[in-house]
Amino acid sequence: ILYLTGQDSAVIQLAIPYCHALALGILPLNFLISIEQFLIGISVTRPVFFLSLLKVPLEIFFIYIFLFGKLGAPKLGLAGVGYGMTLSVTIIAIIIGCYACFSSRCRQYKIFSDCCKINSSSSSYLFKLIRIGLPLGGMYCIELALFATATFMMGYFGNDSLAAHQIAYQCLVFTLTIVFGISQGTTVRVGYEVGCKDKVALKLAVYVNMGIGFCFMLAMAVLYIGFPANIIALGIDVNALNNRPLIHYGIIFLLLAAILQLIDCFRLMS
């Protein structure tokens, strides 16, 4: 794919081992997401929060030692970033799996007791889950594929546009992640109110969370539009002459990110 989309050969040589390293973390990441969604569904959100906080220093530590070859680890360069992320995700997945097995708040569900048992009732329930989850999963798949395609296109236009796009994309993901977390809370509340058949509380949960999400997105959009150079300066030297094309593209992409997140806020919250 990288060759077919006309990426720079130097970028390709760095990207291939990086992608191989990330691929090792796909299974533990899916396991981690599944258990997190289970815990969120039963309103056990604090362990998810604290494990997310733990994941950040773990990633920093493992990325550091594999990127630069510290503490006896091999020096892997950019691929070390992928291995560091994979290892940290695997450790967190093991911890959260143990919590789901042995915690007093989760033990009653015995979620792993019949994981290899398939009968007529479980298969019919599986099809129900697929019918409900496939449209939502398909939406996220299309959305992520769109962002990946945009990244490939930016690489075609040069390293400066690729780097600027990555800066704007990181900012966009940061804000969307906050709103996505709020939407998870909305999903749980809506599920409860549907079960209680309380339409008034259901509407209140939706409107309140949409308002919170939009206000946050609006504040971040003001930062992206009003102070783009300061945001870009967090990662690169904005005074260097060779970075001027990157800064030019970055300002444009941050403007587009601000507009996109304001529009996408209501889609995520609804």
C-alpha atoms as a PDB file:
ATOM      1  CA  ILE A   1       0.000   0.000   0.000  1.00  0.00           C
ATOM      2  CA  LEU A   2       2.817   2.382   0.854  1.00  0.00           C
ATOM      3  CA  TYR A   3       4.539   1.772  -2.474  1.00  0.00           C
ATOM      4  CA  LEU A   4       1.299   1.973  -4.478  1.00  0.00           C
ATOM      5  CA  THR A   5       0.409   5.335  -2.919  1.00  0.00           C
ATOM      6  CA  GLY A   6       3.770   6.797  -3.910  1.00  0.00           C
ATOM      7  CA  GLN A   7       5.229   7.337  -0.455  1.00  0.00           C
ATOM      8  CA  ASP A   8       8.802   8.504  -0.025  1.00  0.00           C
ATOM      9  CA  SER A   9      11.185   5.522   0.103  1.00  0.00           C
ATOM     10  CA  ALA A  10      12.769   6.750   3.343  1.00  0.00           C
ATOM     11  CA  VAL A  11       9.327   6.966   4.957  1.00  0.00           C
ATOM     12  CA  ILE A  12       8.482   3.454   3.748  1.00  0.00           C
ATOM     13  CA  GLN A  13      11.621   1.943   5.252  1.00  0.00           C
ATOM     14  CA  LEU A  14      10.686   3.441   8.613  1.00  0.00           C
ATOM     15  CA  ALA A  15       6.973   2.653   8.390  1.00  0.00           C
ATOM     16  CA  ILE A  16       7.179  -1.069   7.548  1.00  0.00           C
ATOM     17  CA  PRO A  17       8.870  -2.292  10.788  1.00  0.00           C
ATOM     18  CA  TYR A  18       6.732   0.174  12.751  1.00  0.00           C
ATOM     19  CA  CYS A  19       3.530  -1.330  11.299  1.00  0.00           C
ATOM     20  CA  HIS A  20       4.817  -4.865  11.940  1.00  0.00           C
ATOM     21  CA  ALA A  21       5.429  -3.972  15.594  1.00  0.00           C
ATOM     22  CA  LEU A  22       1.946  -2.475  15.970  1.00  0.00           C
ATOM     23  CA  ALA A  23       0.341  -5.531  14.349  1.00  0.00           C
ATOM     24  CA  LEU A  24       1.473  -7.656  17.311  1.00  0.00           C
ATOM     25  CA  GLY A  25      -0.751  -5.587  19.584  1.00  0.00           C
ATOM     26  CA  ILE A  26      -4.006  -5.999  17.653  1.00  0.00           C
ATOM     27  CA  LEU A  27      -5.295  -9.000  19.639  1.00  0.00           C
ATOM     28  CA  PRO A  28      -4.485  -7.646  23.139  1.00  0.00           C
ATOM     29  CA  LEU A  29      -5.917  -4.271  22.096  1.00  0.00           C
ATOM     30  CA  ASN A  30      -9.205  -5.874  21.013  1.00  0.00           C
ATOM     31  CA  PHE A  31      -9.338  -7.834  24.268  1.00  0.00           C
ATOM     32  CA  LEU A  32      -8.641  -4.648  26.230  1.00  0.00           C
ATOM     33  CA  ILE A  33     -11.394  -2.714  24.433  1.00  0.00           C
ATOM     34  CA  SER A  34     -13.901  -5.541  24.956  1.00  0.00           C
ATOM     35  CA  ILE A  35     -13.309  -5.731  28.712  1.00  0.00           C
ATOM     36  CA  GLU A  36     -13.322  -1.939  29.015  1.00  0.00           C
ATOM     37  CA  GLN A  37     -16.708  -1.769  27.279  1.00  0.00           C
ATOM     38  CA  PHE A  38     -18.028  -4.491  29.593  1.00  0.00           C
ATOM     39  CA  LEU A  39     -16.877  -2.553  32.667  1.00  0.00           C
ATOM     40  CA  ILE A  40     -18.354   0.683  31.317  1.00  0.00           C
ATOM     41  CA  GLY A  41     -21.631  -1.124  30.637  1.00  0.00           C
ATOM     42  CA  ILE A  42     -21.938  -2.164  34.299  1.00  0.00           C
ATOM     43  CA  SER A  43     -20.855   1.341  35.431  1.00  0.00           C
ATOM     44  CA  VAL A  44     -17.463   0.198  36.747  1.00  0.00           C
ATOM     45  CA  THR A  45     -15.579   3.073  35.145  1.00  0.00           C
ATOM     46  CA  ARG A  46     -12.921   3.988  37.707  1.00  0.00           C
ATOM     47  CA  PRO A  47     -10.692   0.961  36.995  1.00  0.00           C
ATOM     48  CA  VAL A  48     -10.839   1.837  33.295  1.00  0.00           C
ATOM     49  CA  PHE A  49      -9.794   5.387  34.114  1.00  0.00           C
ATOM     50  CA  PHE A  50      -6.919   4.405  36.400  1.00  0.00           C
ATOM     51  CA  LEU A  51      -5.626   1.766  33.995  1.00  0.00           C
ATOM     52  CA  SER A  52      -5.692   4.371  31.222  1.00  0.00           C
ATOM     53  CA  LEU A  53      -3.570   6.612  33.436  1.00  0.00           C
ATOM     54  CA  LEU A  54      -1.197   3.710  34.084  1.00  0.00           C
ATOM     55  CA  LYS A  55      -0.933   2.958  30.371  1.00  0.00           C
ATOM     56  CA  VAL A  56       0.568   6.383  29.599  1.00  0.00           C
ATOM     57  CA  PRO A  57       3.756   6.090  31.741  1.00  0.00           C
ATOM     58  CA  LEU A  58       4.105   2.461  30.638  1.00  0.00           C
ATOM     59  CA  GLU A  59       4.039   3.533  27.003  1.00  0.00           C
ATOM     60  CA  ILE A  60       6.531   6.335  27.659  1.00  0.00           C
ATOM     61  CA  PHE A  61       8.876   3.957  29.483  1.00  0.00           C
ATOM     62  CA  PHE A  62       8.801   1.116  26.946  1.00  0.00           C
ATOM     63  CA  ILE A  63       8.938   3.451  23.944  1.00  0.00           C
ATOM     64  CA  TYR A  64      11.955   5.189  25.461  1.00  0.00           C
ATOM     65  CA  ILE A  65      13.942   2.021  26.100  1.00  0.00           C
ATOM     66  CA  PHE A  66      13.163   0.444  22.694  1.00  0.00           C
ATOM     67  CA  LEU A  67      13.520   3.668  20.728  1.00  0.00           C
ATOM     68  CA  PHE A  68      16.948   4.541  22.131  1.00  0.00           C
ATOM     69  CA  GLY A  69      18.141   1.089  23.280  1.00  0.00           C
ATOM     70  CA  LYS A  70      18.246   1.795  27.019  1.00  0.00           C
ATOM     71  CA  LEU A  71      18.425  -0.613  29.983  1.00  0.00           C
ATOM     72  CA  GLY A  72      19.770  -3.421  27.816  1.00  0.00           C
ATOM     73  CA  ALA A  73      16.951  -3.281  25.267  1.00  0.00           C
ATOM     74  CA  PRO A  74      17.809  -3.287  21.543  1.00  0.00           C
ATOM     75  CA  LYS A  75      17.863   0.086  19.778  1.00  0.00           C
ATOM     76  CA  LEU A  76      14.978  -0.241  17.306  1.00  0.00           C
ATOM     77  CA  GLY A  77      14.360   3.354  16.263  1.00  0.00           C
ATOM     78  CA  LEU A  78      10.828   4.108  15.076  1.00  0.00           C
ATOM     79  CA  ALA A  79       9.904   0.407  15.289  1.00  0.00           C
ATOM     80  CA  GLY A  80      10.641   0.681  19.012  1.00  0.00           C
ATOM     81  CA  VAL A  81       7.660   3.015  19.331  1.00  0.00           C
ATOM     82  CA  GLY A  82       5.430   0.259  17.957  1.00  0.00           C
ATOM     83  CA  TYR A  83       6.936  -2.398  20.222  1.00  0.00           C
ATOM     84  CA  GLY A  84       6.617  -0.095  23.234  1.00  0.00           C
ATOM     85  CA  MET A  85       2.934   0.538  22.543  1.00  0.00           C
ATOM     86  CA  THR A  86       2.274  -3.164  21.915  1.00  0.00           C
ATOM     87  CA  LEU A  87       3.967  -4.223  25.145  1.00  0.00           C
ATOM     88  CA  SER A  88       2.157  -1.621  27.253  1.00  0.00           C
ATOM     89  CA  VAL A  89      -1.236  -2.575  25.733  1.00  0.00           C
ATOM     90  CA  THR A  90      -0.516  -6.254  26.437  1.00  0.00           C
ATOM     91  CA  ILE A  91       0.339  -5.563  30.090  1.00  0.00           C
ATOM     92  CA  ILE A  92      -2.808  -3.453  30.611  1.00  0.00           C
ATOM     93  CA  ALA A  93      -4.932  -6.108  28.877  1.00  0.00           C
ATOM     94  CA  ILE A  94      -3.603  -8.765  31.291  1.00  0.00           C
ATOM     95  CA  ILE A  95      -4.278  -6.530  34.305  1.00  0.00           C
ATOM     96  CA  ILE A  96      -7.825  -5.651  33.255  1.00  0.00           C
ATOM     97  CA  GLY A  97      -8.530  -9.299  32.434  1.00  0.00           C
ATOM     98  CA  CYS A  98      -7.460 -10.298  35.939  1.00  0.00           C
ATOM     99  CA  TYR A  99      -9.626  -7.535  37.393  1.00  0.00           C
ATOM    100  CA  ALA A 100     -12.658  -8.755  35.429  1.00  0.00           C
ATOM    101  CA  CYS A 101     -12.023 -12.298  36.716  1.00  0.00           C
ATOM    102  CA  PHE A 102     -11.314 -11.706  40.406  1.00  0.00           C
ATOM    103  CA  SER A 103     -12.850  -8.346  41.361  1.00  0.00           C
ATOM    104  CA  SER A 104     -15.810  -8.569  43.710  1.00  0.00           C
ATOM    105  CA  ARG A 105     -17.727  -6.184  41.454  1.00  0.00           C
ATOM    106  CA  CYS A 106     -17.260  -8.419  38.396  1.00  0.00           C
ATOM    107  CA  ARG A 107     -16.970 -11.934  39.824  1.00  0.00           C
ATOM    108  CA  GLN A 108     -20.732 -12.478  39.781  1.00  0.00           C
ATOM    109  CA  TYR A 109     -20.830 -12.228  35.981  1.00  0.00           C
ATOM    110  CA  LYS A 110     -18.277 -15.037  35.424  1.00  0.00           C
ATOM    111  CA  ILE A 111     -17.530 -13.634  31.992  1.00  0.00           C
ATOM    112  CA  PHE A 112     -14.829 -16.182  31.151  1.00  0.00           C
ATOM    113  CA  SER A 113     -16.559 -19.272  32.579  1.00  0.00           C
ATOM    114  CA  ASP A 114     -18.251 -20.341  29.320  1.00  0.00           C
ATOM    115  CA  CYS A 115     -16.117 -18.520  26.782  1.00  0.00           C
ATOM    116  CA  CYS A 116     -15.431 -21.734  24.803  1.00  0.00           C
ATOM    117  CA  LYS A 117     -18.956 -23.117  25.103  1.00  0.00           C
ATOM    118  CA  ILE A 118     -21.270 -22.638  22.122  1.00  0.00           C
ATOM    119  CA  ASN A 119     -24.873 -23.825  22.078  1.00  0.00           C
ATOM    120  CA  SER A 120     -28.086 -22.783  20.360  1.00  0.00           C
ATOM    121  CA  SER A 121     -28.890 -20.024  22.851  1.00  0.00           C
ATOM    122  CA  SER A 122     -25.387 -18.550  22.797  1.00  0.00           C
ATOM    123  CA  SER A 123     -25.223 -18.650  18.993  1.00  0.00           C
ATOM    124  CA  SER A 124     -28.578 -16.858  18.650  1.00  0.00           C
ATOM    125  CA  TYR A 125     -27.415 -14.236  21.156  1.00  0.00           C
ATOM    126  CA  LEU A 126     -24.189 -13.860  19.197  1.00  0.00           C
ATOM    127  CA  PHE A 127     -26.167 -13.077  16.052  1.00  0.00           C
ATOM    128  CA  LYS A 128     -28.153 -10.463  17.968  1.00  0.00           C
ATOM    129  CA  LEU A 129     -24.920  -8.815  19.104  1.00  0.00           C
ATOM    130  CA  ILE A 130     -23.600  -8.859  15.536  1.00  0.00           C
ATOM    131  CA  ARG A 131     -26.826  -7.362  14.206  1.00  0.00           C
ATOM    132  CA  ILE A 132     -26.636  -4.525  16.724  1.00  0.00           C
ATOM    133  CA  GLY A 133     -22.873  -4.006  16.659  1.00  0.00           C
ATOM    134  CA  LEU A 134     -22.090  -4.445  12.972  1.00  0.00           C
ATOM    135  CA  PRO A 135     -23.522  -1.091  11.806  1.00  0.00           C
ATOM    136  CA  LEU A 136     -21.679   0.783  14.566  1.00  0.00           C
ATOM    137  CA  GLY A 137     -18.482  -1.172  13.956  1.00  0.00           C
ATOM    138  CA  GLY A 138     -18.814  -0.554  10.230  1.00  0.00           C
ATOM    139  CA  MET A 139     -19.148   3.179  10.881  1.00  0.00           C
ATOM    140  CA  TYR A 140     -15.951   3.264  12.947  1.00  0.00           C
ATOM    141  CA  CYS A 141     -14.162   1.126  10.353  1.00  0.00           C
ATOM    142  CA  ILE A 142     -15.116   3.517   7.549  1.00  0.00           C
ATOM    143  CA  GLU A 143     -14.132   6.521   9.652  1.00  0.00           C
ATOM    144  CA  LEU A 144     -10.703   5.131  10.537  1.00  0.00           C
ATOM    145  CA  ALA A 145     -10.158   4.005   6.952  1.00  0.00           C
ATOM    146  CA  LEU A 146     -10.929   7.546   5.818  1.00  0.00           C
ATOM    147  CA  PHE A 147      -8.326   9.001   8.185  1.00  0.00           C
ATOM    148  CA  ALA A 148      -5.791   6.382   7.056  1.00  0.00           C
ATOM    149  CA  THR A 149      -6.487   7.238   3.409  1.00  0.00           C
ATOM    150  CA  ALA A 150      -5.979  10.929   4.175  1.00  0.00           C
ATOM    151  CA  THR A 151      -2.621  10.076   5.775  1.00  0.00           C
ATOM    152  CA  PHE A 152      -1.524   8.194   2.654  1.00  0.00           C
ATOM    153  CA  MET A 153      -2.578  11.159   0.504  1.00  0.00           C
ATOM    154  CA  MET A 154      -0.592  13.566   2.659  1.00  0.00           C
ATOM    155  CA  GLY A 155       2.502  11.402   2.243  1.00  0.00           C
ATOM    156  CA  TYR A 156       2.055  11.588  -1.507  1.00  0.00           C
ATOM    157  CA  PHE A 157       2.271  15.391  -1.338  1.00  0.00           C
ATOM    158  CA  GLY A 158       5.506  15.365   0.647  1.00  0.00           C
ATOM    159  CA  ASN A 159       6.995  14.984   4.097  1.00  0.00           C
ATOM    160  CA  ASP A 160       5.976  18.493   5.236  1.00  0.00           C
ATOM    161  CA  SER A 161       2.286  17.912   4.521  1.00  0.00           C
ATOM    162  CA  LEU A 162       2.510  14.457   6.125  1.00  0.00           C
ATOM    163  CA  ALA A 163       4.080  15.847   9.307  1.00  0.00           C
ATOM    164  CA  ALA A 164       1.604  18.752   9.480  1.00  0.00           C
ATOM    165  CA  HIS A 165      -1.313  16.379   8.988  1.00  0.00           C
ATOM    166  CA  GLN A 166      -0.019  14.169  11.802  1.00  0.00           C
ATOM    167  CA  ILE A 167       0.176  17.159  14.180  1.00  0.00           C
ATOM    168  CA  ALA A 168      -3.393  18.215  13.371  1.00  0.00           C
ATOM    169  CA  TYR A 169      -4.597  14.619  13.558  1.00  0.00           C
ATOM    170  CA  GLN A 170      -3.111  14.167  17.042  1.00  0.00           C
ATOM    171  CA  CYS A 171      -4.914  17.322  18.195  1.00  0.00           C
ATOM    172  CA  LEU A 172      -8.166  16.133  16.633  1.00  0.00           C
ATOM    173  CA  VAL A 173      -7.893  12.678  18.214  1.00  0.00           C
ATOM    174  CA  PHE A 174      -7.288  14.274  21.619  1.00  0.00           C
ATOM    175  CA  THR A 175     -10.515  16.279  21.500  1.00  0.00           C
ATOM    176  CA  LEU A 176     -12.567  13.503  19.903  1.00  0.00           C
ATOM    177  CA  THR A 177     -11.389  11.079  22.590  1.00  0.00           C
ATOM    178  CA  ILE A 178     -12.760  13.360  25.320  1.00  0.00           C
ATOM    179  CA  VAL A 179     -16.119  13.622  23.575  1.00  0.00           C
ATOM    180  CA  PHE A 180     -16.116   9.888  22.875  1.00  0.00           C
ATOM    181  CA  GLY A 181     -15.695   9.280  26.608  1.00  0.00           C
ATOM    182  CA  ILE A 182     -18.649  11.570  27.325  1.00  0.00           C
ATOM    183  CA  SER A 183     -20.683   9.706  24.719  1.00  0.00           C
ATOM    184  CA  GLN A 184     -19.860   6.426  26.482  1.00  0.00           C
ATOM    185  CA  GLY A 185     -21.399   7.846  29.634  1.00  0.00           C
ATOM    186  CA  THR A 186     -24.418   8.940  27.599  1.00  0.00           C
ATOM    187  CA  THR A 187     -24.774   5.429  26.191  1.00  0.00           C
ATOM    188  CA  VAL A 188     -24.852   3.904  29.666  1.00  0.00           C
ATOM    189  CA  ARG A 189     -27.346   6.471  30.947  1.00  0.00           C
ATOM    190  CA  VAL A 190     -29.600   6.047  27.909  1.00  0.00           C
ATOM    191  CA  GLY A 191     -29.511   2.269  28.387  1.00  0.00           C
ATOM    192  CA  TYR A 192     -30.614   2.650  31.995  1.00  0.00           C
ATOM    193  CA  GLU A 193     -33.401   5.078  31.136  1.00  0.00           C
ATOM    194  CA  VAL A 194     -34.654   2.878  28.294  1.00  0.00           C
ATOM    195  CA  GLY A 195     -34.803  -0.011  30.760  1.00  0.00           C
ATOM    196  CA  CYS A 196     -36.727   2.194  33.211  1.00  0.00           C
ATOM    197  CA  LYS A 197     -38.907   3.570  30.373  1.00  0.00           C
ATOM    198  CA  ASP A 198     -38.192   7.107  31.591  1.00  0.00           C
ATOM    199  CA  LYS A 199     -38.319   9.259  28.444  1.00  0.00           C
ATOM    200  CA  VAL A 200     -37.822  12.531  30.332  1.00  0.00           C
ATOM    201  CA  ALA A 201     -34.584  11.384  31.957  1.00  0.00           C
ATOM    202  CA  LEU A 202     -33.467   9.874  28.641  1.00  0.00           C
ATOM    203  CA  LYS A 203     -33.837  13.192  26.811  1.00  0.00           C
ATOM    204  CA  LEU A 204     -32.153  15.038  29.680  1.00  0.00           C
ATOM    205  CA  ALA A 205     -29.137  12.715  29.540  1.00  0.00           C
ATOM    206  CA  VAL A 206     -28.781  13.243  25.795  1.00  0.00           C
ATOM    207  CA  TYR A 207     -29.185  17.032  25.871  1.00  0.00           C
ATOM    208  CA  VAL A 208     -26.877  17.565  28.845  1.00  0.00           C
ATOM    209  CA  ASN A 209     -24.109  15.455  27.353  1.00  0.00           C
ATOM    210  CA  MET A 210     -24.475  17.067  23.929  1.00  0.00           C
ATOM    211  CA  GLY A 211     -24.166  20.472  25.595  1.00  0.00           C
ATOM    212  CA  ILE A 212     -21.052  19.449  27.544  1.00  0.00           C
ATOM    213  CA  GLY A 213     -19.475  17.958  24.431  1.00  0.00           C
ATOM    214  CA  PHE A 214     -20.184  20.988  22.256  1.00  0.00           C
ATOM    215  CA  CYS A 215     -18.858  23.475  24.831  1.00  0.00           C
ATOM    216  CA  PHE A 216     -15.624  21.494  25.123  1.00  0.00           C
ATOM    217  CA  MET A 217     -15.262  21.242  21.347  1.00  0.00           C
ATOM    218  CA  LEU A 218     -15.941  24.960  20.966  1.00  0.00           C
ATOM    219  CA  ALA A 219     -13.231  25.821  23.497  1.00  0.00           C
ATOM    220  CA  MET A 220     -10.721  23.567  21.718  1.00  0.00           C
ATOM    221  CA  ALA A 221     -11.711  24.973  18.321  1.00  0.00           C
ATOM    222  CA  VAL A 222     -10.940  28.480  19.590  1.00  0.00           C
ATOM    223  CA  LEU A 223      -7.473  27.279  20.626  1.00  0.00           C
ATOM    224  CA  TYR A 224      -6.831  25.585  17.276  1.00  0.00           C
ATOM    225  CA  ILE A 225      -7.919  28.629  15.284  1.00  0.00           C
ATOM    226  CA  GLY A 226      -6.521  31.349  17.554  1.00  0.00           C
ATOM    227  CA  PHE A 227      -3.198  29.797  18.603  1.00  0.00           C
ATOM    228  CA  PRO A 228      -2.125  27.271  15.941  1.00  0.00           C
ATOM    229  CA  ALA A 229       1.562  28.262  16.019  1.00  0.00           C
ATOM    230  CA  ASN A 230       1.717  27.715  19.782  1.00  0.00           C
ATOM    231  CA  ILE A 231       0.224  24.253  19.382  1.00  0.00           C
ATOM    232  CA  ILE A 232       2.631  23.347  16.590  1.00  0.00           C
ATOM    233  CA  ALA A 233       5.522  24.672  18.707  1.00  0.00           C
ATOM    234  CA  LEU A 234       4.873  21.889  21.233  1.00  0.00           C
ATOM    235  CA  GLY A 235       6.434  19.435  18.784  1.00  0.00           C
ATOM    236  CA  ILE A 236       8.771  21.344  16.462  1.00  0.00           C
ATOM    237  CA  ASP A 237      10.912  24.491  16.304  1.00  0.00           C
ATOM    238  CA  VAL A 238       8.638  27.105  14.730  1.00  0.00           C
ATOM    239  CA  ASN A 239      11.553  29.523  14.315  1.00  0.00           C
ATOM    240  CA  ALA A 240      13.543  27.224  12.036  1.00  0.00           C
ATOM    241  CA  LEU A 241      13.421  28.316   8.392  1.00  0.00           C
ATOM    242  CA  ASN A 242      13.172  24.764   7.063  1.00  0.00           C
ATOM    243  CA  ASN A 243       9.987  24.218   9.101  1.00  0.00           C
ATOM    244  CA  ARG A 244       8.039  27.085   7.524  1.00  0.00           C
ATOM    245  CA  PRO A 245       6.215  24.914   4.937  1.00  0.00           C
ATOM    246  CA  LEU A 246       5.266  22.487   7.707  1.00  0.00           C
ATOM    247  CA  ILE A 247       3.917  25.332   9.858  1.00  0.00           C
ATOM    248  CA  HIS A 248       1.929  26.700   6.906  1.00  0.00           C
ATOM    249  CA  TYR A 249       0.255  23.339   6.313  1.00  0.00           C
ATOM    250  CA  GLY A 250      -0.212  22.795  10.046  1.00  0.00           C
ATOM    251  CA  ILE A 251      -2.156  26.052  10.482  1.00  0.00           C
ATOM    252  CA  ILE A 252      -4.493  25.098   7.619  1.00  0.00           C
ATOM    253  CA  PHE A 253      -5.019  21.565   8.947  1.00  0.00           C
ATOM    254  CA  LEU A 254      -5.726  22.816  12.475  1.00  0.00           C
ATOM    255  CA  LEU A 255      -8.378  25.160  11.076  1.00  0.00           C
ATOM    256  CA  LEU A 256     -10.004  22.264   9.258  1.00  0.00           C
ATOM    257  CA  ALA A 257      -9.733  20.103  12.405  1.00  0.00           C
ATOM    258  CA  ALA A 258     -11.528  22.793  14.428  1.00  0.00           C
ATOM    259  CA  ILE A 259     -14.407  22.900  11.937  1.00  0.00           C
ATOM    260  CA  LEU A 260     -14.597  19.118  11.694  1.00  0.00           C
ATOM    261  CA  GLN A 261     -14.724  18.505  15.422  1.00  0.00           C
ATOM    262  CA  LEU A 262     -17.564  20.997  15.943  1.00  0.00           C
ATOM    263  CA  ILE A 263     -19.637  19.181  13.325  1.00  0.00           C
ATOM    264  CA  ASP A 264     -18.595  15.692  14.426  1.00  0.00           C
ATOM    265  CA  CYS A 265     -19.395  16.412  18.069  1.00  0.00           C
ATOM    266  CA  PHE A 266     -23.150  15.942  17.620  1.00  0.00           C
ATOM    267  CA  ARG A 267     -22.681  12.765  15.596  1.00  0.00           C
ATOM    268  CA  LEU A 268     -20.582  11.222  18.357  1.00  0.00           C
ATOM    269  CA  MET A 269     -22.932  12.322  21.126  1.00  0.00           C
ATOM    270  CA  SER A 270     -26.038  11.087  19.328  1.00  0.00           C
END
